[in-house]
Amino acid sequence: MEGPERVLSQTVTELAEASGSSEASVIRFCREQGFPSFQGFKLALATELASAQPARAEEAGRHALFRIVDRAVDALRQTEDLLDPAAVEAVADRLRKARRVLVFGVGASSVTARYAQYKLARIGLQAVAHDDPHMAAMATAALAEGDVALAVSSSGSTLDVVRAATLAKEAGVFLAAITNRSRSPLTGLADMVLLASAPETPLTGGALTSKISQLVIVDMLFETIADRDPAARDAIRRTAQSVADRGY
């Protein structure tokens, strides 16, 4: 297989397109090799590649741990290149005008979902985040006109998130997605996609590099709304005052 490292960050759709085959052919190949699924194949491939790579020596006297900082900075710069400011502004405008906002993400993506709930609450928006699949499904099914759904999934293929996103589309509400994949089931459903950098591999799921770029996108939405809406700026002051006496 040529370029096995690239496969780790591809969806089955992307690999099928890159290899000139079909999704069914890719899945059939994986099963012929003894793997139950494409994800199982990628996990085995990631494990083999990781074991084949020798430990990297410290570079120029710099501690190896600081490579984490390098990867985080690279992810932020790549996210800057990927993002369309007009898309951020469009999603921010939808959020600002929403009757209520439902954010959902599971696993490591729930960190971003909860952060989005917090930041939106700071500017006075009625936002709630769900990381429980059943709660997300029920809340999404109850969405109505004027509501906005915000889905967070690094892979864009998480079944629970895609299921909730499907329910949001069936409810007829605006659906935005924060994801690290440009081609996925989630991006196919979303009305607007905000693309973060650093796609994850099976062994790096939940890595800081993918999460930090998602969190920065949330901050961009927050700042855009605050800059455009005097009521949001007033809400920031009021919500800050509401917890001012909670510290020592």
Protein backbone atom coordinates (compact mmCIF):
# COMPACT_ATOMS: atom_id res chain seq x y z
CA MET A 1 0.00 0.00 0.00
CA GLU A 2 1.42 3.36 -1.03
CA GLY A 3 1.27 6.21 1.47
CA PRO A 4 -0.15 4.23 4.40
CA GLU A 5 0.15 7.27 6.66
CA ARG A 6 -2.40 9.12 4.52
CA VAL A 7 -4.94 6.33 4.99
CA LEU A 8 -4.98 6.95 8.75
CA SER A 9 -6.54 10.39 8.28
CA GLN A 10 -8.97 9.40 5.53
CA THR A 11 -12.59 8.36 5.69
CA VAL A 12 -13.75 5.36 3.70
CA THR A 13 -15.21 7.79 1.15
CA GLU A 14 -11.93 9.67 0.77
CA LEU A 15 -9.90 6.46 0.39
CA ALA A 16 -12.33 5.13 -2.21
CA GLU A 17 -12.01 8.34 -4.23
CA ALA A 18 -8.22 8.43 -3.90
CA SER A 19 -7.87 4.80 -5.01
CA GLY A 20 -10.39 5.04 -7.84
CA SER A 21 -12.65 2.42 -6.30
CA SER A 22 -15.89 2.41 -4.33
CA GLU A 23 -16.71 2.44 -0.63
CA ALA A 24 -18.01 -1.12 -0.96
CA SER A 25 -14.70 -2.22 -2.50
CA VAL A 26 -12.71 -0.66 0.35
CA ILE A 27 -14.87 -2.34 2.99
CA ARG A 28 -14.68 -5.66 1.13
CA PHE A 29 -10.88 -5.38 1.00
CA CYS A 30 -10.74 -4.78 4.76
CA ARG A 31 -12.88 -7.83 5.44
CA GLU A 32 -10.80 -9.98 3.10
CA GLN A 33 -7.77 -9.01 5.19
CA GLY A 34 -9.52 -10.25 8.32
CA PHE A 35 -10.76 -6.93 9.73
CA PRO A 36 -14.39 -6.42 10.75
CA SER A 37 -14.53 -2.86 9.41
CA PHE A 38 -12.55 -0.02 7.86
CA GLN A 39 -12.01 1.46 11.33
CA GLY A 40 -10.61 -1.87 12.53
CA PHE A 41 -8.23 -1.89 9.58
CA LYS A 42 -7.07 1.65 10.34
CA LEU A 43 -6.47 0.80 14.00
CA ALA A 44 -4.26 -2.15 13.06
CA LEU A 45 -2.42 -0.03 10.48
CA ALA A 46 -1.84 2.77 13.00
CA THR A 47 -0.48 0.29 15.54
CA GLU A 48 1.91 -1.22 13.00
CA LEU A 49 3.16 2.15 11.78
CA ALA A 50 3.68 3.38 15.34
CA SER A 51 5.73 0.32 16.28
CA ALA A 52 7.85 0.70 13.13
CA GLN A 53 8.84 4.29 13.90
CA PRO A 54 11.95 4.67 16.05
CA ALA A 55 11.84 7.09 18.94
CA ARG A 56 12.87 10.54 17.77
CA ALA A 57 15.82 12.10 19.50
CA GLU A 58 15.58 15.54 21.02
CA GLU A 59 16.32 18.18 18.42
CA ALA A 60 18.96 20.83 19.07
CA GLY A 61 18.77 20.32 22.82
CA ARG A 62 15.04 21.03 22.86
CA HIS A 63 12.98 18.71 25.02
CA ALA A 64 10.87 16.27 23.01
CA LEU A 65 7.78 17.24 24.99
CA PHE A 66 7.75 20.63 23.30
CA ARG A 67 6.80 18.92 20.05
CA ILE A 68 3.29 18.96 21.51
CA VAL A 69 3.46 22.76 21.47
CA ASP A 70 4.73 22.69 17.89
CA ARG A 71 1.86 20.47 16.77
CA ALA A 72 -0.69 22.70 18.51
CA VAL A 73 0.70 25.83 16.84
CA ASP A 74 0.77 24.08 13.47
CA ALA A 75 -2.87 23.00 13.91
CA LEU A 76 -3.92 26.58 14.64
CA ARG A 77 -2.08 27.96 11.61
CA GLN A 78 -3.59 25.28 9.37
CA THR A 79 -7.04 26.02 10.76
CA GLU A 80 -6.53 29.68 9.89
CA ASP A 81 -5.80 28.63 6.30
CA LEU A 82 -8.81 26.29 6.13
CA LEU A 83 -11.45 28.57 7.60
CA ASP A 84 -13.59 30.86 5.49
CA PRO A 85 -14.27 34.03 7.53
CA ALA A 86 -17.59 34.42 5.71
CA ALA A 87 -18.67 30.98 6.94
CA VAL A 88 -17.76 31.86 10.52
CA GLU A 89 -19.73 35.10 10.26
CA ALA A 90 -22.73 33.31 8.73
CA VAL A 91 -22.85 30.70 11.50
CA ALA A 92 -22.36 33.40 14.15
CA ASP A 93 -25.29 35.33 12.70
CA ARG A 94 -27.50 32.24 12.84
CA LEU A 95 -26.51 31.59 16.44
CA ARG A 96 -27.13 35.21 17.42
CA LYS A 97 -30.67 35.12 16.04
CA ALA A 98 -31.53 31.63 17.29
CA ARG A 99 -34.43 31.03 19.64
CA ARG A 100 -32.28 28.38 21.28
CA VAL A 101 -29.09 26.51 20.38
CA LEU A 102 -28.51 22.79 20.80
CA VAL A 103 -24.87 21.65 20.77
CA PHE A 104 -23.98 17.98 20.67
CA GLY A 105 -20.74 16.02 20.64
CA VAL A 106 -19.66 12.75 22.24
CA GLY A 107 -16.37 11.45 23.58
CA ALA A 108 -13.53 13.94 23.30
CA SER A 109 -15.69 16.20 21.12
CA SER A 110 -17.98 16.73 24.11
CA VAL A 111 -15.23 18.99 25.50
CA THR A 112 -15.77 21.35 22.58
CA ALA A 113 -19.55 21.05 22.87
CA ARG A 114 -19.50 22.00 26.56
CA TYR A 115 -17.14 24.88 25.87
CA ALA A 116 -19.49 26.14 23.16
CA GLN A 117 -22.40 26.01 25.60
CA TYR A 118 -20.38 28.03 28.13
CA LYS A 119 -19.29 30.69 25.63
CA LEU A 120 -22.76 31.09 24.15
CA ALA A 121 -24.27 31.41 27.63
CA ARG A 122 -21.76 34.20 28.36
CA ILE A 123 -23.29 36.26 25.55
CA GLY A 124 -26.84 35.62 26.67
CA LEU A 125 -27.86 32.87 24.26
CA GLN A 126 -30.10 30.00 25.30
CA ALA A 127 -27.68 27.15 24.65
CA VAL A 128 -27.48 23.60 25.94
CA ALA A 129 -24.94 20.88 25.18
CA HIS A 130 -25.59 17.15 25.28
CA ASP A 131 -22.95 14.43 25.29
CA ASP A 132 -25.33 11.60 26.14
CA PRO A 133 -26.53 10.08 22.83
CA HIS A 134 -30.08 9.46 24.07
CA MET A 135 -30.46 12.98 25.47
CA ALA A 136 -29.01 14.44 22.27
CA ALA A 137 -31.42 12.43 20.13
CA MET A 138 -34.46 13.44 22.20
CA ALA A 139 -33.45 17.11 22.38
CA THR A 140 -32.77 17.22 18.65
CA ALA A 141 -36.10 15.62 17.83
CA ALA A 142 -37.78 18.44 19.80
CA LEU A 143 -36.12 21.24 17.81
CA ALA A 144 -38.46 23.67 16.10
CA GLU A 145 -38.43 26.66 13.77
CA GLY A 146 -36.00 29.32 14.95
CA ASP A 147 -33.67 26.85 16.67
CA VAL A 148 -30.10 26.10 15.59
CA ALA A 149 -28.15 22.86 15.98
CA LEU A 150 -24.36 22.80 16.27
CA ALA A 151 -22.71 19.39 15.82
CA VAL A 152 -19.13 18.69 16.88
CA SER A 153 -17.26 15.64 15.63
CA SER A 154 -13.58 15.37 14.75
CA SER A 155 -14.15 12.48 12.35
CA GLY A 156 -17.55 13.59 11.13
CA SER A 157 -18.48 9.93 11.20
CA THR A 158 -19.42 9.36 14.84
CA LEU A 159 -22.69 7.43 14.66
CA ASP A 160 -24.38 9.18 17.59
CA VAL A 161 -23.53 12.64 16.28
CA VAL A 162 -24.57 11.79 12.73
CA ARG A 163 -27.84 10.39 14.09
CA ALA A 164 -28.55 13.61 16.01
CA ALA A 165 -27.59 15.67 12.96
CA THR A 166 -30.02 13.66 10.85
CA LEU A 167 -32.79 14.38 13.34
CA ALA A 168 -31.92 18.08 13.21
CA LYS A 169 -32.28 18.08 9.44
CA GLU A 170 -35.59 16.25 9.72
CA ALA A 171 -36.75 18.96 12.15
CA GLY A 172 -35.96 21.56 9.49
CA VAL A 173 -33.53 23.64 11.58
CA PHE A 174 -30.22 25.18 10.54
CA LEU A 175 -27.36 22.75 11.19
CA ALA A 176 -23.75 23.87 11.56
CA ALA A 177 -20.83 21.50 12.06
CA ILE A 178 -17.38 21.87 13.59
CA THR A 179 -15.25 19.02 12.31
CA ASN A 180 -11.74 18.06 11.27
CA ARG A 181 -12.87 16.25 8.09
CA SER A 182 -13.94 17.95 4.90
CA ARG A 183 -15.71 14.85 3.55
CA SER A 184 -17.86 12.83 5.95
CA PRO A 185 -21.47 11.90 6.68
CA LEU A 186 -21.73 14.95 8.96
CA THR A 187 -20.49 17.45 6.39
CA GLY A 188 -22.97 15.99 3.93
CA LEU A 189 -25.80 16.87 6.31
CA ALA A 190 -24.63 20.27 7.56
CA ASP A 191 -25.85 23.57 6.11
CA MET A 192 -22.54 25.16 7.03
CA VAL A 193 -19.20 23.51 7.91
CA LEU A 194 -16.43 25.09 9.98
CA LEU A 195 -13.31 23.05 9.28
CA ALA A 196 -10.62 22.62 11.90
CA SER A 197 -7.16 21.23 11.21
CA ALA A 198 -5.34 18.12 12.41
CA PRO A 199 -7.51 15.10 11.53
CA GLU A 200 -7.15 12.34 14.10
CA THR A 201 -5.94 8.78 13.60
CA PRO A 202 -7.25 5.76 15.54
CA LEU A 203 -4.37 6.09 18.01
CA THR A 204 -4.60 9.87 18.47
CA GLY A 205 -8.32 10.24 19.06
CA GLY A 206 -8.99 13.17 21.38
CA ALA A 207 -5.55 14.68 20.80
CA LEU A 208 -5.00 18.29 21.82
CA THR A 209 -4.13 19.32 18.26
CA SER A 210 -7.62 18.59 16.97
CA LYS A 211 -9.40 19.92 20.05
CA ILE A 212 -7.51 23.20 20.30
CA SER A 213 -8.44 24.13 16.73
CA GLN A 214 -12.10 23.35 17.47
CA LEU A 215 -12.01 25.48 20.62
CA VAL A 216 -10.54 28.40 18.69
CA ILE A 217 -13.41 28.17 16.21
CA VAL A 218 -15.84 28.44 19.14
CA ASP A 219 -13.96 31.54 20.30
CA MET A 220 -14.22 33.01 16.80
CA LEU A 221 -17.99 32.57 16.88
CA PHE A 222 -18.11 34.15 20.34
CA GLU A 223 -16.01 37.16 19.33
CA THR A 224 -17.95 37.68 16.10
CA ILE A 225 -21.27 37.81 17.95
CA ALA A 226 -19.88 40.04 20.70
CA ASP A 227 -18.42 42.47 18.16
CA ARG A 228 -21.71 42.81 16.28
CA ASP A 229 -24.31 42.75 19.02
CA PRO A 230 -24.43 45.34 21.84
CA ALA A 231 -26.82 43.05 23.74
CA ALA A 232 -24.18 40.31 23.67
CA ARG A 233 -21.56 42.67 25.11
CA ASP A 234 -23.98 43.64 27.86
CA ALA A 235 -24.61 39.97 28.56
CA ILE A 236 -20.87 39.39 28.96
CA ARG A 237 -20.80 42.06 31.65
CA ARG A 238 -23.88 40.71 33.41
CA THR A 239 -22.79 37.08 33.33
CA ALA A 240 -19.36 38.08 34.64
CA GLN A 241 -20.99 39.92 37.53
CA SER A 242 -23.20 36.92 38.29
CA VAL A 243 -20.19 34.79 39.24
CA ALA A 244 -17.90 37.55 40.52
CA ASP A 245 -18.46 36.56 44.15
CA ARG A 246 -17.77 32.86 43.59
CA GLY A 247 -14.04 33.10 44.17
CA TYR A 248 -11.94 33.76 47.25
